[in-house]
PDB file of N, CA and C in Angstrom:
ATOM      1  N   MET A   1       0.423   7.695 -12.472  1.00  0.00           N
ATOM      2  CA  MET A   1       1.302   7.140 -11.462  1.00  0.00           C
ATOM      3  C   MET A   1       2.401   8.155 -11.180  1.00  0.00           C
ATOM      4  N   ALA A   2       2.396   8.718  -9.983  1.00  0.00           N
ATOM      5  CA  ALA A   2       3.403   9.705  -9.600  1.00  0.00           C
ATOM      6  C   ALA A   2       4.404   9.060  -8.653  1.00  0.00           C
ATOM      7  N   ASP A   3       5.673   9.310  -8.885  1.00  0.00           N
ATOM      8  CA  ASP A   3       6.734   8.796  -8.018  1.00  0.00           C
ATOM      9  C   ASP A   3       6.680   7.285  -7.852  1.00  0.00           C
ATOM     10  N   GLY A   4       6.244   6.564  -8.890  1.00  0.00           N
ATOM     11  CA  GLY A   4       6.199   5.104  -8.818  1.00  0.00           C
ATOM     12  C   GLY A   4       5.053   4.562  -7.997  1.00  0.00           C
ATOM     13  N   ILE A   5       4.104   5.413  -7.634  1.00  0.00           N
ATOM     14  CA  ILE A   5       2.978   4.999  -6.803  1.00  0.00           C
ATOM     15  C   ILE A   5       1.690   5.145  -7.602  1.00  0.00           C
ATOM     16  N   ILE A   6       0.879   4.085  -7.580  1.00  0.00           N
ATOM     17  CA  ILE A   6      -0.398   4.068  -8.292  1.00  0.00           C
ATOM     18  C   ILE A   6      -1.488   4.641  -7.390  1.00  0.00           C
ATOM     19  N   THR A   7      -2.368   5.445  -7.947  1.00  0.00           N
ATOM     20  CA  THR A   7      -3.527   5.942  -7.203  1.00  0.00           C
ATOM     21  C   THR A   7      -4.722   5.067  -7.549  1.00  0.00           C
ATOM     22  N   LEU A   8      -5.317   4.477  -6.518  1.00  0.00           N
ATOM     23  CA  LEU A   8      -6.479   3.611  -6.710  1.00  0.00           C
ATOM     24  C   LEU A   8      -7.769   4.359  -6.427  1.00  0.00           C
ATOM     25  N   THR A   9      -8.847   3.895  -7.046  1.00  0.00           N
ATOM     26  CA  THR A   9     -10.188   4.408  -6.783  1.00  0.00           C
ATOM     27  C   THR A   9     -11.105   3.209  -6.562  1.00  0.00           C
ATOM     28  N   SER A  10     -12.328   3.482  -6.179  1.00  0.00           N
ATOM     29  CA  SER A  10     -13.298   2.388  -6.025  1.00  0.00           C
ATOM     30  C   SER A  10     -13.468   1.643  -7.342  1.00  0.00           C
ATOM     31  N   ALA A  11     -13.390   2.372  -8.450  1.00  0.00           N
ATOM     32  CA  ALA A  11     -13.596   1.776  -9.770  1.00  0.00           C
ATOM     33  C   ALA A  11     -12.417   0.921 -10.224  1.00  0.00           C
ATOM     34  N   THR A  12     -11.208   1.274  -9.790  1.00  0.00           N
ATOM     35  CA  THR A  12     -10.021   0.563 -10.287  1.00  0.00           C
ATOM     36  C   THR A  12      -9.433  -0.431  -9.292  1.00  0.00           C
ATOM     37  N   PHE A  13      -9.854  -0.382  -8.047  1.00  0.00           N
ATOM     38  CA  PHE A  13      -9.224  -1.174  -6.989  1.00  0.00           C
ATOM     39  C   PHE A  13      -9.137  -2.661  -7.323  1.00  0.00           C
ATOM     40  N   ASP A  14     -10.283  -3.296  -7.553  1.00  0.00           N
ATOM     41  CA  ASP A  14     -10.294  -4.752  -7.760  1.00  0.00           C
ATOM     42  C   ASP A  14      -9.468  -5.173  -8.968  1.00  0.00           C
ATOM     43  N   GLU A  15      -9.616  -4.456 -10.063  1.00  0.00           N
ATOM     44  CA  GLU A  15      -8.887  -4.830 -11.273  1.00  0.00           C
ATOM     45  C   GLU A  15      -7.376  -4.739 -11.060  1.00  0.00           C
ATOM     46  N   ILE A  16      -6.914  -3.645 -10.480  1.00  0.00           N
ATOM     47  CA  ILE A  16      -5.469  -3.459 -10.298  1.00  0.00           C
ATOM     48  C   ILE A  16      -4.908  -4.424  -9.262  1.00  0.00           C
ATOM     49  N   VAL A  17      -5.576  -4.552  -8.128  1.00  0.00           N
ATOM     50  CA  VAL A  17      -5.062  -5.433  -7.067  1.00  0.00           C
ATOM     51  C   VAL A  17      -5.072  -6.892  -7.512  1.00  0.00           C
ATOM     52  N   ASN A  18      -6.152  -7.323  -8.126  1.00  0.00           N
ATOM     53  CA  ASN A  18      -6.269  -8.732  -8.507  1.00  0.00           C
ATOM     54  C   ASN A  18      -5.436  -9.111  -9.728  1.00  0.00           C
ATOM     55  N   SER A  19      -5.074  -8.129 -10.542  1.00  0.00           N
ATOM     56  CA  SER A  19      -4.309  -8.457 -11.751  1.00  0.00           C
ATOM     57  C   SER A  19      -2.801  -8.260 -11.572  1.00  0.00           C
ATOM     58  N   SER A  20      -2.375  -7.761 -10.428  1.00  0.00           N
ATOM     59  CA  SER A  20      -0.951  -7.516 -10.221  1.00  0.00           C
ATOM     60  C   SER A  20      -0.203  -8.842 -10.101  1.00  0.00           C
ATOM     61  N   ASP A  21       0.868  -8.981 -10.895  1.00  0.00           N
ATOM     62  CA  ASP A  21       1.657 -10.204 -10.825  1.00  0.00           C
ATOM     63  C   ASP A  21       2.792 -10.089  -9.807  1.00  0.00           C
ATOM     64  N   THR A  22       2.900  -8.922  -9.163  1.00  0.00           N
ATOM     65  CA  THR A  22       3.821  -8.761  -8.042  1.00  0.00           C
ATOM     66  C   THR A  22       2.997  -8.345  -6.833  1.00  0.00           C
ATOM     67  N   PRO A  23       3.514  -8.575  -5.626  1.00  0.00           N
ATOM     68  CA  PRO A  23       2.772  -8.118  -4.448  1.00  0.00           C
ATOM     69  C   PRO A  23       2.485  -6.621  -4.547  1.00  0.00           C
ATOM     70  N   ILE A  24       1.314  -6.223  -4.071  1.00  0.00           N
ATOM     71  CA  ILE A  24       0.920  -4.816  -4.132  1.00  0.00           C
ATOM     72  C   ILE A  24       0.550  -4.347  -2.728  1.00  0.00           C
ATOM     73  N   LEU A  25       1.216  -3.294  -2.283  1.00  0.00           N
ATOM     74  CA  LEU A  25       0.955  -2.707  -0.970  1.00  0.00           C
ATOM     75  C   LEU A  25       0.011  -1.531  -1.165  1.00  0.00           C
ATOM     76  N   VAL A  26      -1.171  -1.619  -0.556  1.00  0.00           N
ATOM     77  CA  VAL A  26      -2.158  -0.549  -0.671  1.00  0.00           C
ATOM     78  C   VAL A  26      -2.133   0.272   0.611  1.00  0.00           C
ATOM     79  N   ASP A  27      -1.823   1.549   0.464  1.00  0.00           N
ATOM     80  CA  ASP A  27      -1.792   2.502   1.569  1.00  0.00           C
ATOM     81  C   ASP A  27      -3.143   3.196   1.637  1.00  0.00           C
ATOM     82  N   PHE A  28      -3.886   2.935   2.714  1.00  0.00           N
ATOM     83  CA  PHE A  28      -5.161   3.612   2.963  1.00  0.00           C
ATOM     84  C   PHE A  28      -4.821   4.889   3.735  1.00  0.00           C
ATOM     85  N   TRP A  29      -5.125   6.043   3.156  1.00  0.00           N
ATOM     86  CA  TRP A  29      -4.683   7.318   3.712  1.00  0.00           C
ATOM     87  C   TRP A  29      -5.745   8.393   3.532  1.00  0.00           C
ATOM     88  N   ALA A  30      -5.485   9.572   4.104  1.00  0.00           N
ATOM     89  CA  ALA A  30      -6.335  10.753   3.898  1.00  0.00           C
ATOM     90  C   ALA A  30      -5.449  11.994   3.930  1.00  0.00           C
ATOM     91  N   GLU A  31      -5.901  13.031   3.261  1.00  0.00           N
ATOM     92  CA  GLU A  31      -5.146  14.279   3.141  1.00  0.00           C
ATOM     93  C   GLU A  31      -4.838  14.897   4.507  1.00  0.00           C
ATOM     94  N   TRP A  32      -5.757  14.781   5.455  1.00  0.00           N
ATOM     95  CA  TRP A  32      -5.621  15.423   6.764  1.00  0.00           C
ATOM     96  C   TRP A  32      -4.788  14.600   7.758  1.00  0.00           C
ATOM     97  N   CYS A  33      -4.346  13.431   7.369  1.00  0.00           N
ATOM     98  CA  CYS A  33      -3.674  12.498   8.280  1.00  0.00           C
ATOM     99  C   CYS A  33      -2.175  12.782   8.360  1.00  0.00           C
ATOM    100  N   GLY A  34      -1.709  13.261   9.503  1.00  0.00           N
ATOM    101  CA  GLY A  34      -0.290  13.558   9.701  1.00  0.00           C
ATOM    102  C   GLY A  34       0.619  12.349   9.520  1.00  0.00           C
ATOM    103  N   PRO A  35       0.330  11.215  10.199  1.00  0.00           N
ATOM    104  CA  PRO A  35       1.172  10.033  10.020  1.00  0.00           C
ATOM    105  C   PRO A  35       1.186   9.532   8.569  1.00  0.00           C
ATOM    106  N   CYS A  36       0.092   9.727   7.841  1.00  0.00           N
ATOM    107  CA  CYS A  36       0.055   9.337   6.423  1.00  0.00           C
ATOM    108  C   CYS A  36       1.078  10.147   5.631  1.00  0.00           C
ATOM    109  N   LYS A  37       1.181  11.439   5.957  1.00  0.00           N
ATOM    110  CA  LYS A  37       2.142  12.298   5.275  1.00  0.00           C
ATOM    111  C   LYS A  37       3.575  11.914   5.646  1.00  0.00           C
ATOM    112  N   GLN A  38       3.765  11.433   6.887  1.00  0.00           N
ATOM    113  CA  GLN A  38       5.099  11.016   7.330  1.00  0.00           C
ATOM    114  C   GLN A  38       5.598   9.815   6.533  1.00  0.00           C
ATOM    115  N   ILE A  39       4.713   8.867   6.239  1.00  0.00           N
ATOM    116  CA  ILE A  39       5.176   7.651   5.564  1.00  0.00           C
ATOM    117  C   ILE A  39       5.203   7.778   4.042  1.00  0.00           C
ATOM    118  N   ALA A  40       4.592   8.822   3.497  1.00  0.00           N
ATOM    119  CA  ALA A  40       4.554   8.980   2.033  1.00  0.00           C
ATOM    120  C   ALA A  40       5.947   8.927   1.404  1.00  0.00           C
ATOM    121  N   PRO A  41       6.947   9.674   1.924  1.00  0.00           N
ATOM    122  CA  PRO A  41       8.274   9.586   1.295  1.00  0.00           C
ATOM    123  C   PRO A  41       8.921   8.211   1.479  1.00  0.00           C
ATOM    124  N   ILE A  42       8.619   7.535   2.567  1.00  0.00           N
ATOM    125  CA  ILE A  42       9.141   6.177   2.796  1.00  0.00           C
ATOM    126  C   ILE A  42       8.578   5.236   1.739  1.00  0.00           C
ATOM    127  N   LEU A  43       7.286   5.348   1.471  1.00  0.00           N
ATOM    128  CA  LEU A  43       6.670   4.494   0.452  1.00  0.00           C
ATOM    129  C   LEU A  43       7.239   4.786  -0.933  1.00  0.00           C
ATOM    130  N   GLU A  44       7.533   6.058  -1.208  1.00  0.00           N
ATOM    131  CA  GLU A  44       8.142   6.410  -2.492  1.00  0.00           C
ATOM    132  C   GLU A  44       9.526   5.763  -2.617  1.00  0.00           C
ATOM    133  N   GLN A  45      10.296   5.776  -1.532  1.00  0.00           N
ATOM    134  CA  GLN A  45      11.625   5.148  -1.544  1.00  0.00           C
ATOM    135  C   GLN A  45      11.516   3.645  -1.764  1.00  0.00           C
ATOM    136  N   ILE A  46      10.584   3.011  -1.070  1.00  0.00           N
ATOM    137  CA  ILE A  46      10.405   1.566  -1.217  1.00  0.00           C
ATOM    138  C   ILE A  46       9.971   1.237  -2.648  1.00  0.00           C
ATOM    139  N   ALA A  47       9.069   2.041  -3.207  1.00  0.00           N
ATOM    140  CA  ALA A  47       8.618   1.821  -4.589  1.00  0.00           C
ATOM    141  C   ALA A  47       9.793   1.862  -5.550  1.00  0.00           C
ATOM    142  N   ALA A  48      10.716   2.800  -5.336  1.00  0.00           N
ATOM    143  CA  ALA A  48      11.874   2.934  -6.222  1.00  0.00           C
ATOM    144  C   ALA A  48      12.887   1.816  -5.991  1.00  0.00           C
ATOM    145  N   GLU A  49      13.178   1.526  -4.727  1.00  0.00           N
ATOM    146  CA  GLU A  49      14.217   0.549  -4.397  1.00  0.00           C
ATOM    147  C   GLU A  49      13.788  -0.889  -4.659  1.00  0.00           C
ATOM    148  N   LYS A  50      12.506  -1.156  -4.545  1.00  0.00           N
ATOM    149  CA  LYS A  50      12.001  -2.525  -4.682  1.00  0.00           C
ATOM    150  C   LYS A  50      11.185  -2.701  -5.964  1.00  0.00           C
ATOM    151  N   ALA A  51      11.433  -1.836  -6.949  1.00  0.00           N
ATOM    152  CA  ALA A  51      10.723  -1.939  -8.235  1.00  0.00           C
ATOM    153  C   ALA A  51      10.908  -3.348  -8.794  1.00  0.00           C
ATOM    154  N   GLY A  52       9.837  -3.942  -9.263  1.00  0.00           N
ATOM    155  CA  GLY A  52       9.876  -5.305  -9.772  1.00  0.00           C
ATOM    156  C   GLY A  52       9.564  -6.338  -8.707  1.00  0.00           C
ATOM    157  N   GLN A  53       9.672  -5.926  -7.425  1.00  0.00           N
ATOM    158  CA  GLN A  53       9.366  -6.836  -6.324  1.00  0.00           C
ATOM    159  C   GLN A  53       8.040  -6.485  -5.653  1.00  0.00           C
ATOM    160  N   ILE A  54       7.684  -5.207  -5.709  1.00  0.00           N
ATOM    161  CA  ILE A  54       6.461  -4.746  -5.049  1.00  0.00           C
ATOM    162  C   ILE A  54       5.908  -3.544  -5.810  1.00  0.00           C
ATOM    163  N   VAL A  55       4.599  -3.415  -5.811  1.00  0.00           N
ATOM    164  CA  VAL A  55       3.910  -2.248  -6.351  1.00  0.00           C
ATOM    165  C   VAL A  55       3.313  -1.515  -5.164  1.00  0.00           C
ATOM    166  N   ILE A  56       3.475  -0.208  -5.122  1.00  0.00           N
ATOM    167  CA  ILE A  56       2.887   0.602  -4.062  1.00  0.00           C
ATOM    168  C   ILE A  56       1.692   1.350  -4.653  1.00  0.00           C
ATOM    169  N   ALA A  57       0.574   1.297  -3.933  1.00  0.00           N
ATOM    170  CA  ALA A  57      -0.643   1.988  -4.374  1.00  0.00           C
ATOM    171  C   ALA A  57      -1.249   2.727  -3.191  1.00  0.00           C
ATOM    172  N   LYS A  58      -1.968   3.804  -3.479  1.00  0.00           N
ATOM    173  CA  LYS A  58      -2.610   4.597  -2.439  1.00  0.00           C
ATOM    174  C   LYS A  58      -4.112   4.685  -2.721  1.00  0.00           C
ATOM    175  N   LEU A  59      -4.890   4.639  -1.637  1.00  0.00           N
ATOM    176  CA  LEU A  59      -6.333   4.794  -1.747  1.00  0.00           C
ATOM    177  C   LEU A  59      -6.780   5.805  -0.708  1.00  0.00           C
ATOM    178  N   ASN A  60      -7.362   6.907  -1.157  1.00  0.00           N
ATOM    179  CA  ASN A  60      -7.843   7.946  -0.255  1.00  0.00           C
ATOM    180  C   ASN A  60      -9.161   7.486   0.373  1.00  0.00           C
ATOM    181  N   VAL A  61      -9.162   7.306   1.705  1.00  0.00           N
ATOM    182  CA  VAL A  61     -10.343   6.768   2.384  1.00  0.00           C
ATOM    183  C   VAL A  61     -11.500   7.755   2.414  1.00  0.00           C
ATOM    184  N   ASP A  62     -11.208   9.054   2.332  1.00  0.00           N
ATOM    185  CA  ASP A  62     -12.290  10.037   2.298  1.00  0.00           C
ATOM    186  C   ASP A  62     -13.055   9.961   0.985  1.00  0.00           C
ATOM    187  N   ASP A  63     -12.345   9.696  -0.097  1.00  0.00           N
ATOM    188  CA  ASP A  63     -12.972   9.617  -1.409  1.00  0.00           C
ATOM    189  C   ASP A  63     -13.524   8.233  -1.731  1.00  0.00           C
ATOM    190  N   HIS A  64     -12.968   7.205  -1.110  1.00  0.00           N
ATOM    191  CA  HIS A  64     -13.330   5.822  -1.450  1.00  0.00           C
ATOM    192  C   HIS A  64     -13.549   4.984  -0.184  1.00  0.00           C
ATOM    193  N   GLY A  65     -14.418   5.491   0.681  1.00  0.00           N
ATOM    194  CA  GLY A  65     -14.705   4.834   1.953  1.00  0.00           C
ATOM    195  C   GLY A  65     -15.300   3.447   1.807  1.00  0.00           C
ATOM    196  N   ASP A  66     -15.929   3.164   0.670  1.00  0.00           N
ATOM    197  CA  ASP A  66     -16.511   1.842   0.459  1.00  0.00           C
ATOM    198  C   ASP A  66     -15.432   0.764   0.472  1.00  0.00           C
ATOM    199  N   ILE A  67     -14.277   1.066  -0.122  1.00  0.00           N
ATOM    200  CA  ILE A  67     -13.190   0.089  -0.152  1.00  0.00           C
ATOM    201  C   ILE A  67     -12.578  -0.049   1.244  1.00  0.00           C
ATOM    202  N   ALA A  68     -12.368   1.077   1.923  1.00  0.00           N
ATOM    203  CA  ALA A  68     -11.842   1.039   3.291  1.00  0.00           C
ATOM    204  C   ALA A  68     -12.770   0.214   4.187  1.00  0.00           C
ATOM    205  N   GLY A  69     -14.074   0.402   4.036  1.00  0.00           N
ATOM    206  CA  GLY A  69     -15.039  -0.354   4.820  1.00  0.00           C
ATOM    207  C   GLY A  69     -14.996  -1.836   4.520  1.00  0.00           C
ATOM    208  N   ARG A  70     -14.815  -2.187   3.254  1.00  0.00           N
ATOM    209  CA  ARG A  70     -14.770  -3.594   2.868  1.00  0.00           C
ATOM    210  C   ARG A  70     -13.632  -4.338   3.581  1.00  0.00           C
ATOM    211  N   PHE A  71     -12.521  -3.620   3.819  1.00  0.00           N
ATOM    212  CA  PHE A  71     -11.364  -4.246   4.453  1.00  0.00           C
ATOM    213  C   PHE A  71     -11.229  -3.868   5.925  1.00  0.00           C
ATOM    214  N   ASN A  72     -12.306  -3.330   6.510  1.00  0.00           N
ATOM    215  CA  ASN A  72     -12.345  -2.971   7.930  1.00  0.00           C
ATOM    216  C   ASN A  72     -11.190  -2.078   8.349  1.00  0.00           C
ATOM    217  N   VAL A  73     -10.855  -1.103   7.508  1.00  0.00           N
ATOM    218  CA  VAL A  73      -9.812  -0.145   7.850  1.00  0.00           C
ATOM    219  C   VAL A  73     -10.427   0.863   8.815  1.00  0.00           C
ATOM    220  N   MET A  74      -9.962   0.805  10.080  1.00  0.00           N
ATOM    221  CA  MET A  74     -10.534   1.644  11.131  1.00  0.00           C
ATOM    222  C   MET A  74      -9.648   2.831  11.482  1.00  0.00           C
ATOM    223  N   SER A  75      -8.357   2.719  11.194  1.00  0.00           N
ATOM    224  CA  SER A  75      -7.446   3.831  11.456  1.00  0.00           C
ATOM    225  C   SER A  75      -6.467   3.927  10.299  1.00  0.00           C
ATOM    226  N   ILE A  76      -5.940   5.125  10.120  1.00  0.00           N
ATOM    227  CA  ILE A  76      -5.002   5.323   9.031  1.00  0.00           C
ATOM    228  C   ILE A  76      -3.731   5.960   9.580  1.00  0.00           C
ATOM    229  N   PRO A  77      -2.601   5.706   8.966  1.00  0.00           N
ATOM    230  CA  PRO A  77      -2.447   4.868   7.788  1.00  0.00           C
ATOM    231  C   PRO A  77      -2.551   3.386   8.115  1.00  0.00           C
ATOM    232  N   THR A  78      -3.238   2.665   7.248  1.00  0.00           N
ATOM    233  CA  THR A  78      -3.246   1.205   7.260  1.00  0.00           C
ATOM    234  C   THR A  78      -2.767   0.767   5.889  1.00  0.00           C
ATOM    235  N   MET A  79      -1.869  -0.194   5.880  1.00  0.00           N
ATOM    236  CA  MET A  79      -1.351  -0.714   4.612  1.00  0.00           C
ATOM    237  C   MET A  79      -1.630  -2.208   4.551  1.00  0.00           C
ATOM    238  N   LEU A  80      -2.236  -2.632   3.464  1.00  0.00           N
ATOM    239  CA  LEU A  80      -2.516  -4.051   3.246  1.00  0.00           C
ATOM    240  C   LEU A  80      -1.656  -4.528   2.087  1.00  0.00           C
ATOM    241  N   LEU A  81      -0.959  -5.627   2.311  1.00  0.00           N
ATOM    242  CA  LEU A  81      -0.145  -6.219   1.251  1.00  0.00           C
ATOM    243  C   LEU A  81      -0.923  -7.362   0.628  1.00  0.00           C
ATOM    244  N   PHE A  82      -1.221  -7.214  -0.660  1.00  0.00           N
ATOM    245  CA  PHE A  82      -1.943  -8.230  -1.410  1.00  0.00           C
ATOM    246  C   PHE A  82      -0.973  -8.985  -2.303  1.00  0.00           C
ATOM    247  N   SER A  83      -1.183 -10.286  -2.411  1.00  0.00           N
ATOM    248  CA  SER A  83      -0.454 -11.096  -3.371  1.00  0.00           C
ATOM    249  C   SER A  83      -1.455 -12.087  -3.937  1.00  0.00           C
ATOM    250  N   GLU A  84      -1.543 -12.134  -5.269  1.00  0.00           N
ATOM    251  CA  GLU A  84      -2.524 -12.977  -5.951  1.00  0.00           C
ATOM    252  C   GLU A  84      -3.937 -12.713  -5.436  1.00  0.00           C
ATOM    253  N   GLY A  85      -4.229 -11.442  -5.159  1.00  0.00           N
ATOM    254  CA  GLY A  85      -5.561 -11.024  -4.742  1.00  0.00           C
ATOM    255  C   GLY A  85      -5.900 -11.270  -3.287  1.00  0.00           C
ATOM    256  N   GLU A  86      -4.979 -11.844  -2.516  1.00  0.00           N
ATOM    257  CA  GLU A  86      -5.230 -12.150  -1.102  1.00  0.00           C
ATOM    258  C   GLU A  86      -4.378 -11.266  -0.204  1.00  0.00           C
ATOM    259  N   ILE A  87      -4.940 -10.895   0.962  1.00  0.00           N
ATOM    260  CA  ILE A  87      -4.187 -10.110   1.931  1.00  0.00           C
ATOM    261  C   ILE A  87      -3.149 -11.014   2.587  1.00  0.00           C
ATOM    262  N   LYS A  88      -1.886 -10.595   2.519  1.00  0.00           N
ATOM    263  CA  LYS A  88      -0.792 -11.356   3.123  1.00  0.00           C
ATOM    264  C   LYS A  88      -0.385 -10.795   4.473  1.00  0.00           C
ATOM    265  N   THR A  89      -0.450  -9.474   4.621  1.00  0.00           N
ATOM    266  CA  THR A  89      -0.128  -8.853   5.904  1.00  0.00           C
ATOM    267  C   THR A  89      -0.788  -7.482   5.978  1.00  0.00           C
ATOM    268  N   LYS A  90      -0.930  -6.997   7.223  1.00  0.00           N
ATOM    269  CA  LYS A  90      -1.542  -5.697   7.484  1.00  0.00           C
ATOM    270  C   LYS A  90      -0.588  -4.911   8.376  1.00  0.00           C
ATOM    271  N   ILE A  91      -0.305  -3.674   7.982  1.00  0.00           N
ATOM    272  CA  ILE A  91       0.556  -2.790   8.758  1.00  0.00           C
ATOM    273  C   ILE A  91      -0.284  -1.575   9.132  1.00  0.00           C
ATOM    274  N   VAL A  92      -0.353  -1.279  10.428  1.00  0.00           N
ATOM    275  CA  VAL A  92      -1.145  -0.142  10.886  1.00  0.00           C
ATOM    276  C   VAL A  92      -0.218   0.863  11.549  1.00  0.00           C
ATOM    277  N   GLY A  93      -0.320   2.113  11.122  1.00  0.00           N
ATOM    278  CA  GLY A  93       0.455   3.183  11.720  1.00  0.00           C
ATOM    279  C   GLY A  93       1.750   3.467  10.987  1.00  0.00           C
ATOM    280  N   ALA A  94       2.286   4.641  11.278  1.00  0.00           N
ATOM    281  CA  ALA A  94       3.549   5.060  10.681  1.00  0.00           C
ATOM    282  C   ALA A  94       4.698   4.362  11.395  1.00  0.00           C
ATOM    283  N   MET A  95       5.737   4.067  10.643  1.00  0.00           N
ATOM    284  CA  MET A  95       6.926   3.443  11.213  1.00  0.00           C
ATOM    285  C   MET A  95       8.122   3.788  10.355  1.00  0.00           C
ATOM    286  N   PRO A  96       9.323   3.626  10.901  1.00  0.00           N
ATOM    287  CA  PRO A  96      10.520   3.899  10.107  1.00  0.00           C
ATOM    288  C   PRO A  96      10.633   2.923   8.936  1.00  0.00           C
ATOM    289  N   LYS A  97      11.373   3.328   7.931  1.00  0.00           N
ATOM    290  CA  LYS A  97      11.539   2.525   6.717  1.00  0.00           C
ATOM    291  C   LYS A  97      12.076   1.130   7.021  1.00  0.00           C
ATOM    292  N   GLY A  98      13.073   1.035   7.867  1.00  0.00           N
ATOM    293  CA  GLY A  98      13.662  -0.265   8.191  1.00  0.00           C
ATOM    294  C   GLY A  98      12.650  -1.231   8.777  1.00  0.00           C
ATOM    295  N   ARG A  99      11.818  -0.738   9.656  1.00  0.00           N
ATOM    296  CA  ARG A  99      10.800  -1.595  10.266  1.00  0.00           C
ATOM    297  C   ARG A  99       9.751  -2.007   9.235  1.00  0.00           C
ATOM    298  N   MET A 100       9.376  -1.069   8.362  1.00  0.00           N
ATOM    299  CA  MET A 100       8.399  -1.397   7.332  1.00  0.00           C
ATOM    300  C   MET A 100       8.941  -2.485   6.407  1.00  0.00           C
ATOM    301  N   LEU A 101      10.223  -2.362   6.035  1.00  0.00           N
ATOM    302  CA  LEU A 101      10.830  -3.387   5.176  1.00  0.00           C
ATOM    303  C   LEU A 101      10.885  -4.741   5.884  1.00  0.00           C
ATOM    304  N   GLU A 102      11.125  -4.746   7.191  1.00  0.00           N
ATOM    305  CA  GLU A 102      11.108  -5.997   7.956  1.00  0.00           C
ATOM    306  C   GLU A 102       9.743  -6.667   7.856  1.00  0.00           C
ATOM    307  N   GLU A 103       8.694  -5.861   7.871  1.00  0.00           N
ATOM    308  CA  GLU A 103       7.325  -6.380   7.775  1.00  0.00           C
ATOM    309  C   GLU A 103       7.029  -6.915   6.370  1.00  0.00           C
ATOM    310  N   LEU A 104       7.568  -6.244   5.346  1.00  0.00           N
ATOM    311  CA  LEU A 104       7.245  -6.577   3.957  1.00  0.00           C
ATOM    312  C   LEU A 104       8.124  -7.675   3.354  1.00  0.00           C
ATOM    313  N   ASN A 105       9.413  -7.674   3.689  1.00  0.00           N
ATOM    314  CA  ASN A 105      10.373  -8.561   3.021  1.00  0.00           C
ATOM    315  C   ASN A 105       9.986 -10.040   2.984  1.00  0.00           C
ATOM    316  N   PRO A 106       9.395 -10.615   4.040  1.00  0.00           N
ATOM    317  CA  PRO A 106       9.039 -12.043   3.957  1.00  0.00           C
ATOM    318  C   PRO A 106       8.048 -12.368   2.838  1.00  0.00           C
ATOM    319  N   PHE A 107       7.338 -11.365   2.348  1.00  0.00           N
ATOM    320  CA  PHE A 107       6.304 -11.589   1.343  1.00  0.00           C
ATOM    321  C   PHE A 107       6.744 -11.202  -0.074  1.00  0.00           C
ATOM    322  N   LEU A 108       7.969 -10.688  -0.196  1.00  0.00           N
ATOM    323  CA  LEU A 108       8.443 -10.207  -1.489  1.00  0.00           C
ATOM    324  C   LEU A 108       9.289 -11.260  -2.178  1.00  0.00           C
ATOM    325  N   PRO A 109       9.198 -11.320  -3.513  1.00  0.00           N
ATOM    326  CA  PRO A 109      10.080 -12.225  -4.245  1.00  0.00           C
ATOM    327  C   PRO A 109      11.523 -11.722  -4.181  1.00  0.00           C
ATOM    328  N   ALA A 110      12.462 -12.591  -4.438  1.00  0.00           N
ATOM    329  CA  ALA A 110      13.878 -12.184  -4.447  1.00  0.00           C
ATOM    330  C   ALA A 110      14.114 -11.162  -5.543  1.00  0.00           C
ATOM    331  N   SER A 111      15.158 -10.382  -5.387  1.00  0.00           N
ATOM    332  CA  SER A 111      15.501  -9.370  -6.403  1.00  0.00           C
ATOM    333  C   SER A 111      15.655 -10.002  -7.762  1.00  0.00           C
ATOM    334  N   ARG A 112      15.199  -9.278  -8.774  1.00  0.00           N
ATOM    335  CA  ARG A 112      15.302  -9.793 -10.149  1.00  0.00           C
ATOM    336  C   ARG A 112      16.410  -9.111 -10.873  1.00  0.00           C
TER     337      ARG A 112
END
């Protein structure tokens, strides 16, 4: 786990997402994706600032296309917020941190 962000694989996806007791935001990304690189530091900030309220995870779609296909991820970056193993919201495309937090906050528990 680098910078508070978990790296998922096809082998670990289900176990980590389904066993998380806090909401988990999965960033579907690829190395060649410019907008994915733009949001990476934003996700690192959110992981640090919202520790205990949300887990941030990344899944490389080039390496693990089976998982991307399962969730019909057609463009990247796509972020799916899971809670108790269910998708709560979907965010597609890069956006400023404030807007991303507006999208996520309704699904996050209060600060601990």
